Amino acid sequence: MAPTSSIQVYMASHTTFKKRRWGYRLALPDRTIRRTGATPYAYTGPAMGIVVLIKALRHLRRLRLTHFPLALTTNIKTVELVLTHQRLADWAAHDWPPTIELGDLWQLADAELRHFPAYTIHWAPDRYRRVDWLVKPTRPRRSQHHRRQ
């Protein structure tokens, strides 16, 4: 029987003074997984977006969860545009023209996405501005009378 729900994948990247940070959160049926990392500043913003997508998809493959459709949410506009407009399929149909910026990374992302039955993509620029907020566990807020004075 095919699964009825999708796996929520939240991805973000941002730049600090010396590094580009990335993070993802996988909302699975039975648990939530969070990962973060950083790469040298030489990586461009779009490259980091593709890297975090590849890392999240590979993590799901290691967990053998490729039978679920994916609901992707990202603050990375390049990833959202490419996936929304089905550019990966167009590029693959034209044998990956050499003029594609970051074509090697997009080929890796395309290969990972092919393991999943379907995906949707949503761009959320305001909600996921920083990787730290995305991946840290949510904590219940204290009520007003429990706060320190």
N, C-alpha and C. Protein backbone atom coordinates (compact mmCIF):
# COMPACT_ATOMS: atom_id res chain seq x y z
N MET A 1 0.84 -1.17 0.00
CA MET A 1 0.00 0.00 0.00
C MET A 1 0.89 1.25 0.00
N ALA A 2 0.53 2.23 -0.80
CA ALA A 2 1.31 3.47 -0.89
C ALA A 2 1.06 4.35 0.33
N PRO A 3 2.06 5.05 0.78
CA PRO A 3 1.88 5.94 1.93
C PRO A 3 0.92 7.08 1.59
N THR A 4 0.16 7.51 2.58
CA THR A 4 -0.81 8.57 2.35
C THR A 4 -0.27 9.94 2.72
N SER A 5 0.76 10.00 3.52
CA SER A 5 1.30 11.30 3.92
C SER A 5 2.68 11.50 3.33
N SER A 6 3.12 12.73 3.37
CA SER A 6 4.45 13.04 2.84
C SER A 6 5.40 13.38 3.99
N ILE A 7 6.66 13.31 3.69
CA ILE A 7 7.70 13.70 4.64
C ILE A 7 7.96 15.19 4.44
N GLN A 8 7.94 15.94 5.52
CA GLN A 8 8.23 17.37 5.46
C GLN A 8 9.75 17.57 5.56
N VAL A 9 10.31 18.27 4.59
CA VAL A 9 11.74 18.55 4.57
C VAL A 9 11.91 20.07 4.55
N TYR A 10 12.48 20.61 5.62
CA TYR A 10 12.73 22.05 5.72
C TYR A 10 14.23 22.28 5.53
N MET A 11 14.58 23.16 4.60
CA MET A 11 15.99 23.41 4.28
C MET A 11 16.29 24.90 4.35
N ALA A 12 17.48 25.24 4.81
CA ALA A 12 17.88 26.64 4.86
C ALA A 12 19.38 26.77 4.75
N SER A 13 19.82 27.93 4.29
CA SER A 13 21.24 28.26 4.33
C SER A 13 21.36 29.76 4.57
N HIS A 14 22.44 30.16 5.17
CA HIS A 14 22.73 31.58 5.35
C HIS A 14 24.23 31.78 5.48
N THR A 15 24.65 33.01 5.32
CA THR A 15 26.06 33.35 5.35
C THR A 15 26.41 34.05 6.65
N THR A 16 27.48 33.60 7.28
CA THR A 16 28.03 34.30 8.43
C THR A 16 29.31 35.00 7.97
N PHE A 17 30.09 35.49 8.90
CA PHE A 17 31.28 36.26 8.53
C PHE A 17 32.27 35.45 7.69
N LYS A 18 32.54 34.21 8.07
CA LYS A 18 33.55 33.43 7.36
C LYS A 18 33.03 32.15 6.73
N LYS A 19 31.81 31.76 7.02
CA LYS A 19 31.31 30.49 6.51
C LYS A 19 29.88 30.62 6.01
N ARG A 20 29.51 29.66 5.22
CA ARG A 20 28.11 29.53 4.81
C ARG A 20 27.56 28.35 5.58
N ARG A 21 26.48 28.59 6.29
CA ARG A 21 25.88 27.54 7.11
C ARG A 21 24.66 26.97 6.41
N TRP A 22 24.43 25.69 6.62
CA TRP A 22 23.26 25.03 6.07
C TRP A 22 22.60 24.21 7.17
N GLY A 23 21.36 23.87 6.95
CA GLY A 23 20.66 23.03 7.90
C GLY A 23 19.41 22.45 7.26
N TYR A 24 18.98 21.33 7.79
CA TYR A 24 17.70 20.78 7.36
C TYR A 24 17.02 20.11 8.53
N ARG A 25 15.71 20.04 8.43
CA ARG A 25 14.90 19.35 9.43
C ARG A 25 13.97 18.42 8.67
N LEU A 26 13.99 17.14 9.05
CA LEU A 26 13.13 16.13 8.43
C LEU A 26 12.03 15.77 9.43
N ALA A 27 10.81 16.06 9.07
CA ALA A 27 9.67 15.71 9.92
C ALA A 27 9.14 14.36 9.43
N LEU A 28 9.55 13.30 10.10
CA LEU A 28 9.18 11.94 9.73
C LEU A 28 7.93 11.53 10.49
N PRO A 29 7.29 10.45 10.06
CA PRO A 29 6.08 10.01 10.76
C PRO A 29 6.30 9.73 12.25
N ASP A 30 7.49 9.26 12.62
CA ASP A 30 7.71 8.86 14.01
C ASP A 30 8.72 9.72 14.78
N ARG A 31 9.40 10.65 14.10
CA ARG A 31 10.40 11.48 14.78
C ARG A 31 10.81 12.65 13.89
N THR A 32 11.60 13.54 14.48
CA THR A 32 12.14 14.68 13.74
C THR A 32 13.66 14.60 13.81
N ILE A 33 14.31 14.81 12.66
CA ILE A 33 15.76 14.77 12.57
C ILE A 33 16.25 16.14 12.14
N ARG A 34 17.27 16.64 12.82
CA ARG A 34 17.85 17.94 12.51
C ARG A 34 19.35 17.78 12.26
N ARG A 35 19.84 18.47 11.23
CA ARG A 35 21.27 18.46 10.94
C ARG A 35 21.70 19.86 10.50
N THR A 36 22.91 20.24 10.88
CA THR A 36 23.49 21.50 10.43
C THR A 36 24.94 21.27 10.02
N GLY A 37 25.49 22.23 9.32
CA GLY A 37 26.88 22.15 8.94
C GLY A 37 27.32 23.47 8.33
N ALA A 38 28.56 23.53 7.92
CA ALA A 38 29.10 24.74 7.31
C ALA A 38 30.11 24.35 6.25
N THR A 39 30.27 25.21 5.29
CA THR A 39 31.27 25.02 4.25
C THR A 39 32.06 26.31 4.11
N PRO A 40 33.20 26.28 3.43
CA PRO A 40 33.98 27.50 3.25
C PRO A 40 33.17 28.60 2.56
N TYR A 41 33.55 29.82 2.80
CA TYR A 41 32.85 30.97 2.25
C TYR A 41 32.87 30.99 0.72
N ALA A 42 33.80 30.28 0.11
CA ALA A 42 33.91 30.27 -1.34
C ALA A 42 32.67 29.69 -2.02
N TYR A 43 31.89 28.89 -1.32
CA TYR A 43 30.66 28.36 -1.90
C TYR A 43 29.68 29.51 -2.09
N THR A 44 29.00 29.53 -3.21
CA THR A 44 27.99 30.56 -3.45
C THR A 44 26.69 30.17 -2.75
N GLY A 45 25.79 31.13 -2.61
CA GLY A 45 24.49 30.86 -2.02
C GLY A 45 23.72 29.77 -2.76
N PRO A 46 23.61 29.86 -4.10
CA PRO A 46 22.92 28.80 -4.83
C PRO A 46 23.57 27.43 -4.65
N ALA A 47 24.91 27.38 -4.61
CA ALA A 47 25.58 26.09 -4.41
C ALA A 47 25.21 25.50 -3.06
N MET A 48 25.17 26.34 -2.03
CA MET A 48 24.78 25.85 -0.70
C MET A 48 23.35 25.33 -0.71
N GLY A 49 22.47 25.97 -1.45
CA GLY A 49 21.10 25.50 -1.54
C GLY A 49 21.00 24.11 -2.12
N ILE A 50 21.79 23.86 -3.14
CA ILE A 50 21.78 22.54 -3.77
C ILE A 50 22.42 21.51 -2.83
N VAL A 51 23.50 21.90 -2.16
CA VAL A 51 24.18 20.99 -1.23
C VAL A 51 23.23 20.54 -0.12
N VAL A 52 22.49 21.47 0.46
CA VAL A 52 21.59 21.09 1.56
C VAL A 52 20.47 20.19 1.04
N LEU A 53 19.98 20.42 -0.17
CA LEU A 53 18.97 19.54 -0.76
C LEU A 53 19.53 18.13 -0.92
N ILE A 54 20.72 18.01 -1.46
CA ILE A 54 21.35 16.69 -1.66
C ILE A 54 21.56 15.99 -0.32
N LYS A 55 22.05 16.71 0.68
CA LYS A 55 22.29 16.10 1.99
C LYS A 55 20.99 15.58 2.62
N ALA A 56 19.93 16.35 2.53
CA ALA A 56 18.65 15.92 3.11
C ALA A 56 18.11 14.69 2.38
N LEU A 57 18.19 14.68 1.06
CA LEU A 57 17.69 13.54 0.29
C LEU A 57 18.52 12.28 0.55
N ARG A 58 19.82 12.43 0.66
CA ARG A 58 20.67 11.27 0.96
C ARG A 58 20.38 10.72 2.35
N HIS A 59 20.09 11.59 3.28
CA HIS A 59 19.75 11.14 4.63
C HIS A 59 18.46 10.30 4.58
N LEU A 60 17.48 10.76 3.84
CA LEU A 60 16.23 9.99 3.71
C LEU A 60 16.48 8.65 3.02
N ARG A 61 17.36 8.63 2.04
CA ARG A 61 17.68 7.35 1.39
C ARG A 61 18.36 6.39 2.34
N ARG A 62 19.28 6.89 3.18
CA ARG A 62 19.93 6.02 4.17
C ARG A 62 18.91 5.42 5.14
N LEU A 63 17.86 6.18 5.42
CA LEU A 63 16.81 5.69 6.31
C LEU A 63 15.79 4.80 5.59
N ARG A 64 15.99 4.62 4.30
CA ARG A 64 15.10 3.81 3.46
C ARG A 64 13.66 4.34 3.47
N LEU A 65 13.53 5.64 3.29
CA LEU A 65 12.22 6.28 3.28
C LEU A 65 11.88 6.85 1.91
N THR A 66 12.34 6.18 0.88
CA THR A 66 12.13 6.69 -0.48
C THR A 66 10.74 6.42 -1.02
N HIS A 67 9.91 5.69 -0.30
CA HIS A 67 8.56 5.40 -0.77
C HIS A 67 7.57 6.51 -0.42
N PHE A 68 8.01 7.50 0.37
CA PHE A 68 7.14 8.63 0.73
C PHE A 68 7.32 9.78 -0.25
N PRO A 69 6.24 10.48 -0.60
CA PRO A 69 6.41 11.74 -1.33
C PRO A 69 7.00 12.79 -0.38
N LEU A 70 7.59 13.83 -0.95
CA LEU A 70 8.25 14.85 -0.16
C LEU A 70 7.53 16.19 -0.27
N ALA A 71 7.47 16.90 0.83
CA ALA A 71 6.99 18.29 0.85
C ALA A 71 8.19 19.13 1.26
N LEU A 72 8.82 19.77 0.30
CA LEU A 72 10.04 20.54 0.54
C LEU A 72 9.71 22.00 0.82
N THR A 73 10.31 22.56 1.85
CA THR A 73 10.19 23.98 2.17
C THR A 73 11.60 24.54 2.29
N THR A 74 11.85 25.67 1.64
CA THR A 74 13.20 26.21 1.62
C THR A 74 13.21 27.73 1.65
N ASN A 75 14.30 28.31 2.11
CA ASN A 75 14.51 29.76 2.00
C ASN A 75 15.46 30.07 0.85
N ILE A 76 15.73 29.10 0.01
CA ILE A 76 16.72 29.22 -1.05
C ILE A 76 15.99 29.36 -2.38
N LYS A 77 15.94 30.57 -2.91
CA LYS A 77 15.13 30.86 -4.09
C LYS A 77 15.57 30.06 -5.31
N THR A 78 16.86 29.88 -5.51
CA THR A 78 17.34 29.13 -6.68
C THR A 78 16.78 27.71 -6.69
N VAL A 79 16.80 27.04 -5.56
CA VAL A 79 16.27 25.67 -5.47
C VAL A 79 14.78 25.67 -5.77
N GLU A 80 14.06 26.63 -5.20
CA GLU A 80 12.61 26.70 -5.43
C GLU A 80 12.30 26.92 -6.90
N LEU A 81 12.99 27.83 -7.55
CA LEU A 81 12.72 28.11 -8.97
C LEU A 81 13.00 26.92 -9.86
N VAL A 82 14.14 26.28 -9.66
CA VAL A 82 14.50 25.14 -10.51
C VAL A 82 13.50 23.99 -10.34
N LEU A 83 13.14 23.68 -9.09
CA LEU A 83 12.23 22.56 -8.86
C LEU A 83 10.79 22.89 -9.27
N THR A 84 10.36 24.12 -9.08
CA THR A 84 9.00 24.51 -9.45
C THR A 84 8.79 24.44 -10.95
N HIS A 85 9.75 24.89 -11.70
CA HIS A 85 9.60 24.97 -13.15
C HIS A 85 10.12 23.73 -13.88
N GLN A 86 10.36 22.66 -13.16
CA GLN A 86 10.76 21.38 -13.76
C GLN A 86 11.99 21.51 -14.65
N ARG A 87 12.91 22.38 -14.29
CA ARG A 87 14.11 22.58 -15.12
C ARG A 87 15.02 21.36 -15.11
N LEU A 88 15.03 20.59 -14.04
CA LEU A 88 15.88 19.40 -14.01
C LEU A 88 15.51 18.44 -15.12
N ALA A 89 14.21 18.24 -15.32
CA ALA A 89 13.76 17.34 -16.39
C ALA A 89 14.15 17.88 -17.76
N ASP A 90 14.02 19.19 -17.94
CA ASP A 90 14.41 19.80 -19.22
C ASP A 90 15.90 19.64 -19.47
N TRP A 91 16.70 19.91 -18.45
CA TRP A 91 18.14 19.79 -18.60
C TRP A 91 18.55 18.35 -18.87
N ALA A 92 17.94 17.40 -18.18
CA ALA A 92 18.26 15.99 -18.40
C ALA A 92 17.87 15.57 -19.81
N ALA A 93 16.73 16.06 -20.29
CA ALA A 93 16.28 15.73 -21.64
C ALA A 93 17.24 16.26 -22.71
N HIS A 94 17.93 17.34 -22.40
CA HIS A 94 18.90 17.92 -23.33
C HIS A 94 20.34 17.53 -22.98
N ASP A 95 20.48 16.43 -22.28
CA ASP A 95 21.79 15.87 -21.93
C ASP A 95 22.67 16.84 -21.14
N TRP A 96 22.06 17.56 -20.23
CA TRP A 96 22.76 18.45 -19.32
C TRP A 96 23.73 19.38 -20.06
N PRO A 97 23.19 20.41 -20.73
CA PRO A 97 24.06 21.34 -21.46
C PRO A 97 25.15 21.93 -20.56
N PRO A 98 26.34 22.12 -21.09
CA PRO A 98 27.46 22.61 -20.26
C PRO A 98 27.29 24.05 -19.78
N THR A 99 26.32 24.78 -20.31
CA THR A 99 26.13 26.17 -19.92
C THR A 99 25.36 26.32 -18.60
N ILE A 100 24.88 25.24 -18.04
CA ILE A 100 24.12 25.30 -16.80
C ILE A 100 25.06 25.63 -15.64
N GLU A 101 24.73 26.69 -14.92
CA GLU A 101 25.53 27.05 -13.75
C GLU A 101 25.33 25.99 -12.67
N LEU A 102 26.40 25.48 -12.11
CA LEU A 102 26.39 24.44 -11.07
C LEU A 102 25.75 23.14 -11.59
N GLY A 103 25.96 22.85 -12.84
CA GLY A 103 25.36 21.66 -13.45
C GLY A 103 25.71 20.36 -12.77
N ASP A 104 26.95 20.24 -12.28
CA ASP A 104 27.34 19.00 -11.61
C ASP A 104 26.53 18.78 -10.33
N LEU A 105 26.29 19.85 -9.57
CA LEU A 105 25.48 19.71 -8.36
C LEU A 105 24.02 19.43 -8.70
N TRP A 106 23.50 20.08 -9.73
CA TRP A 106 22.10 19.83 -10.12
C TRP A 106 21.92 18.39 -10.59
N GLN A 107 22.92 17.82 -11.25
CA GLN A 107 22.82 16.42 -11.66
C GLN A 107 22.74 15.50 -10.45
N LEU A 108 23.53 15.79 -9.41
CA LEU A 108 23.46 14.99 -8.18
C LEU A 108 22.08 15.13 -7.53
N ALA A 109 21.56 16.35 -7.48
CA ALA A 109 20.24 16.57 -6.89
C ALA A 109 19.17 15.83 -7.69
N ASP A 110 19.26 15.88 -9.01
CA ASP A 110 18.29 15.18 -9.85
C ASP A 110 18.34 13.68 -9.61
N ALA A 111 19.54 13.13 -9.50
CA ALA A 111 19.68 11.69 -9.24
C ALA A 111 19.05 11.31 -7.91
N GLU A 112 19.20 12.15 -6.88
CA GLU A 112 18.60 11.86 -5.58
C GLU A 112 17.08 11.98 -5.63
N LEU A 113 16.56 13.00 -6.30
CA LEU A 113 15.11 13.19 -6.37
C LEU A 113 14.41 12.05 -7.10
N ARG A 114 15.09 11.41 -8.02
CA ARG A 114 14.48 10.31 -8.78
C ARG A 114 14.15 9.10 -7.91
N HIS A 115 14.70 9.03 -6.71
CA HIS A 115 14.40 7.93 -5.80
C HIS A 115 13.05 8.09 -5.10
N PHE A 116 12.44 9.26 -5.20
CA PHE A 116 11.19 9.54 -4.50
C PHE A 116 10.05 9.63 -5.50
N PRO A 117 8.83 9.19 -5.08
CA PRO A 117 7.72 9.14 -6.02
C PRO A 117 7.23 10.52 -6.48
N ALA A 118 7.31 11.52 -5.63
CA ALA A 118 6.82 12.85 -5.98
C ALA A 118 7.34 13.85 -4.96
N TYR A 119 7.26 15.11 -5.32
CA TYR A 119 7.62 16.16 -4.37
C TYR A 119 6.87 17.44 -4.70
N THR A 120 6.70 18.25 -3.69
CA THR A 120 6.20 19.61 -3.86
C THR A 120 7.26 20.53 -3.25
N ILE A 121 7.27 21.78 -3.69
CA ILE A 121 8.26 22.73 -3.20
C ILE A 121 7.56 24.02 -2.79
N HIS A 122 7.97 24.56 -1.67
CA HIS A 122 7.41 25.82 -1.18
C HIS A 122 8.56 26.71 -0.74
N TRP A 123 8.52 27.97 -1.16
CA TRP A 123 9.55 28.93 -0.77
C TRP A 123 9.04 29.74 0.40
N ALA A 124 9.80 29.78 1.48
CA ALA A 124 9.42 30.51 2.68
C ALA A 124 10.57 31.40 3.13
N PRO A 125 10.77 32.52 2.47
CA PRO A 125 11.95 33.33 2.77
C PRO A 125 11.93 33.97 4.14
N ASP A 126 10.78 34.39 4.61
CA ASP A 126 10.73 35.11 5.88
C ASP A 126 10.83 34.19 7.07
N ARG A 127 10.32 33.00 6.96
CA ARG A 127 10.26 32.11 8.11
C ARG A 127 11.61 31.49 8.44
N TYR A 128 12.39 31.18 7.44
CA TYR A 128 13.65 30.47 7.67
C TYR A 128 14.83 31.33 7.28
N ARG A 129 15.02 32.44 7.94
CA ARG A 129 16.14 33.32 7.61
C ARG A 129 17.46 32.78 8.11
N ARG A 130 17.42 32.10 9.23
CA ARG A 130 18.66 31.61 9.81
C ARG A 130 18.56 30.11 10.06
N VAL A 131 19.64 29.44 9.80
CA VAL A 131 19.69 27.99 9.96
C VAL A 131 19.46 27.59 11.41
N ASP A 132 20.01 28.34 12.35
CA ASP A 132 19.89 27.97 13.76
C ASP A 132 18.43 27.86 14.19
N TRP A 133 17.60 28.80 13.76
CA TRP A 133 16.19 28.75 14.14
C TRP A 133 15.51 27.52 13.54
N LEU A 134 15.90 27.18 12.33
CA LEU A 134 15.27 26.05 11.65
C LEU A 134 15.48 24.74 12.36
N VAL A 135 16.68 24.51 12.83
CA VAL A 135 17.01 23.17 13.32
C VAL A 135 16.98 23.01 14.83
N LYS A 136 16.93 24.10 15.57
CA LYS A 136 16.94 23.90 17.03
C LYS A 136 15.57 23.41 17.49
N PRO A 137 15.55 22.56 18.49
CA PRO A 137 14.27 22.03 18.98
C PRO A 137 13.40 23.16 19.52
N THR A 138 12.12 23.03 19.30
CA THR A 138 11.22 24.03 19.84
C THR A 138 11.03 23.77 21.32
N ARG A 139 10.99 24.82 22.08
CA ARG A 139 10.80 24.70 23.53
C ARG A 139 9.50 25.38 23.89
N PRO A 140 8.76 24.80 24.81
CA PRO A 140 7.52 25.46 25.21
C PRO A 140 7.83 26.78 25.91
N ARG A 141 7.03 27.76 25.62
CA ARG A 141 7.21 29.06 26.27
C ARG A 141 6.65 29.01 27.68
N ARG A 142 7.34 29.71 28.56
CA ARG A 142 6.85 29.79 29.93
C ARG A 142 5.65 30.73 29.98
N SER A 143 4.72 30.41 30.81
CA SER A 143 3.60 31.33 30.97
C SER A 143 4.09 32.57 31.72
N GLN A 144 3.30 33.61 31.69
CA GLN A 144 3.72 34.90 32.25
C GLN A 144 4.10 34.80 33.72
N HIS A 145 3.36 34.04 34.52
CA HIS A 145 3.65 34.00 35.94
C HIS A 145 4.85 33.12 36.29
N HIS A 146 5.40 32.37 35.35
CA HIS A 146 6.58 31.55 35.62
C HIS A 146 7.88 32.24 35.18
N ARG A 147 7.78 33.36 34.53
CA ARG A 147 8.98 34.05 34.08
C ARG A 147 9.72 34.67 35.25
N ARG A 148 11.02 34.73 35.12
CA ARG A 148 11.84 35.36 36.16
C ARG A 148 11.62 36.86 36.14
N GLN A 149 11.58 37.42 37.32
CA GLN A 149 11.37 38.86 37.44
C GLN A 149 12.69 39.59 37.48
